[in-house]
Amino acid sequence: MTIEISRKYVTTWVVFLILLFVVVLVFFITSRSPKPEYAMSVGELKRIIRESPTEINSVIVFDSEPVVVVRLKGKSSAKQVIVPNEQKSELVKDFQSARIQIQIAPPDKADKWIGVRAPGVSVDIDLK
């Protein structure tokens, strides 16, 4: 009888220690991960261009995509700004009037390769 009681308590302690380990591990991982940089609004970007354009370190405009990537001075990560295509030309003019260098990047083609690897899709490649 004493053997069954001790096994019962041992199992309880093992489960308790495993749960405690998992809680400590989750707390450690979440406290050490860097906080994500959230996207900047178009209005906030225009305010920075108007008031202090020297804070902007670099700008990347993606061709035919509504994304502009802005890196501010003193920040380690870049911020993405979702800009409707109708406002993109106006924003580029604002950058040019503030004498901020702009890099034009080609559109991302990664999503076009997703269909190639889909099951049931045959791809014929001519290697001549």
Protein backbone atom coordinates (compact mmCIF):
# COMPACT_ATOMS: atom_id res chain seq x y z
CA MET A 1 0.00 0.00 0.00
CA THR A 2 2.80 2.44 0.79
CA ILE A 3 4.39 1.79 -2.59
CA GLU A 4 1.21 2.80 -4.47
CA ILE A 5 0.85 5.97 -2.40
CA SER A 6 4.45 7.03 -3.04
CA ARG A 7 4.07 6.39 -6.78
CA LYS A 8 0.99 8.54 -6.76
CA TYR A 9 2.84 11.41 -5.13
CA VAL A 10 5.88 10.94 -7.35
CA THR A 11 3.70 11.20 -10.44
CA THR A 12 2.08 14.34 -9.07
CA TRP A 13 5.46 15.92 -8.38
CA VAL A 14 6.80 14.97 -11.82
CA VAL A 15 3.76 16.52 -13.52
CA PHE A 16 4.09 19.63 -11.33
CA LEU A 17 7.80 20.02 -12.16
CA ILE A 18 7.17 19.55 -15.88
CA LEU A 19 4.45 22.21 -15.83
CA LEU A 20 6.69 24.54 -13.85
CA PHE A 21 9.50 24.00 -16.35
CA VAL A 22 7.17 24.75 -19.28
CA VAL A 23 5.89 27.94 -17.62
CA VAL A 24 9.44 29.16 -16.90
CA LEU A 25 10.52 28.30 -20.45
CA VAL A 26 7.59 30.17 -22.02
CA PHE A 27 8.21 33.18 -19.78
CA PHE A 28 11.91 33.18 -20.68
CA ILE A 29 11.26 32.94 -24.42
CA THR A 30 8.60 35.66 -24.49
CA SER A 31 10.59 38.09 -22.39
CA ARG A 32 13.73 37.79 -24.54
CA SER A 33 12.12 38.11 -27.96
CA PRO A 34 12.29 41.60 -29.46
CA LYS A 35 9.06 43.50 -29.73
CA PRO A 36 7.86 43.73 -33.33
CA GLU A 37 8.00 47.03 -35.18
CA TYR A 38 4.54 47.90 -36.33
CA ALA A 39 3.74 49.52 -39.63
CA MET A 40 3.69 53.28 -39.87
CA SER A 41 0.69 55.11 -41.29
CA VAL A 42 0.89 57.29 -44.39
CA GLY A 43 -0.11 60.32 -42.34
CA GLU A 44 2.68 59.72 -39.83
CA LEU A 45 5.21 59.34 -42.66
CA LYS A 46 4.05 62.57 -44.30
CA ARG A 47 4.35 64.34 -40.93
CA ILE A 48 7.96 63.15 -40.59
CA ILE A 49 8.72 64.29 -44.16
CA ARG A 50 7.27 67.75 -43.43
CA GLU A 51 8.63 68.34 -39.93
CA SER A 52 11.94 66.49 -39.77
CA PRO A 53 13.05 64.85 -43.03
CA THR A 54 16.56 64.34 -41.63
CA GLU A 55 15.18 61.55 -39.39
CA ILE A 56 14.66 59.37 -42.48
CA ASN A 57 17.73 57.30 -43.27
CA SER A 58 16.56 55.40 -46.35
CA VAL A 59 13.41 54.71 -48.36
CA ILE A 60 12.63 51.72 -50.58
CA VAL A 61 9.63 51.92 -52.91
CA PHE A 62 8.48 48.65 -54.43
CA ASP A 63 7.42 48.94 -58.05
CA SER A 64 3.71 48.13 -58.60
CA GLU A 65 3.19 47.16 -54.93
CA PRO A 66 1.56 49.30 -52.25
CA VAL A 67 4.51 48.99 -49.85
CA VAL A 68 7.14 51.55 -48.91
CA VAL A 69 9.90 50.58 -46.48
CA VAL A 70 11.31 53.41 -44.36
CA ARG A 71 14.39 53.18 -42.14
CA LEU A 72 14.64 55.94 -39.55
CA LYS A 73 17.92 57.14 -38.06
CA GLY A 74 18.68 55.61 -34.70
CA LYS A 75 16.39 52.62 -35.33
CA SER A 76 17.72 49.17 -36.06
CA SER A 77 14.69 47.92 -37.97
CA ALA A 78 12.78 49.31 -40.92
CA LYS A 79 9.08 50.14 -40.85
CA GLN A 80 6.66 49.23 -43.60
CA VAL A 81 4.10 51.72 -44.81
CA ILE A 82 1.12 50.55 -46.81
CA VAL A 83 0.49 53.22 -49.43
CA PRO A 84 -2.37 52.99 -51.93
CA ASN A 85 -1.11 53.19 -55.52
CA GLU A 86 -3.08 56.41 -56.01
CA GLN A 87 -1.06 58.13 -53.25
CA LYS A 88 2.31 56.64 -54.14
CA SER A 89 3.23 59.23 -56.79
CA GLU A 90 2.33 62.05 -54.39
CA LEU A 91 4.47 60.47 -51.69
CA VAL A 92 7.42 60.10 -54.09
CA LYS A 93 7.10 63.81 -54.93
CA ASP A 94 7.16 64.60 -51.19
CA PHE A 95 10.36 62.56 -50.82
CA GLN A 96 11.94 64.34 -53.78
CA SER A 97 10.99 67.81 -52.51
CA ALA A 98 12.53 66.94 -49.12
CA ARG A 99 15.66 65.65 -50.93
CA ILE A 100 15.35 62.15 -49.52
CA GLN A 101 17.05 59.40 -51.55
CA ILE A 102 14.65 56.77 -52.85
CA GLN A 103 15.50 53.25 -53.97
CA ILE A 104 13.12 51.62 -56.44
CA ALA A 105 12.92 47.86 -55.94
CA PRO A 106 11.37 45.38 -58.36
CA PRO A 107 8.16 43.67 -57.23
CA ASP A 108 8.46 40.49 -55.20
CA LYS A 109 8.00 37.44 -57.45
CA ALA A 110 8.02 34.82 -54.68
CA ASP A 111 4.27 34.25 -54.81
CA LYS A 112 4.43 33.24 -58.47
CA TRP A 113 6.55 30.19 -57.57
CA ILE A 114 3.94 28.85 -55.15
CA GLY A 115 1.79 27.51 -57.99
CA VAL A 116 4.74 25.70 -59.54
CA ARG A 117 5.19 23.49 -56.49
CA ALA A 118 1.49 22.76 -56.05
CA PRO A 119 0.58 19.08 -56.40
CA GLY A 120 -1.03 18.14 -59.68
CA VAL A 121 0.64 20.93 -61.63
CA SER A 122 2.97 19.81 -64.39
CA VAL A 123 5.73 22.09 -65.57
CA ASP A 124 7.50 21.46 -68.88
CA ILE A 125 10.98 22.96 -69.07
CA ASP A 126 12.82 23.04 -72.36
CA LEU A 127 16.57 22.83 -71.69
CA LYS A 128 17.78 23.25 -75.30
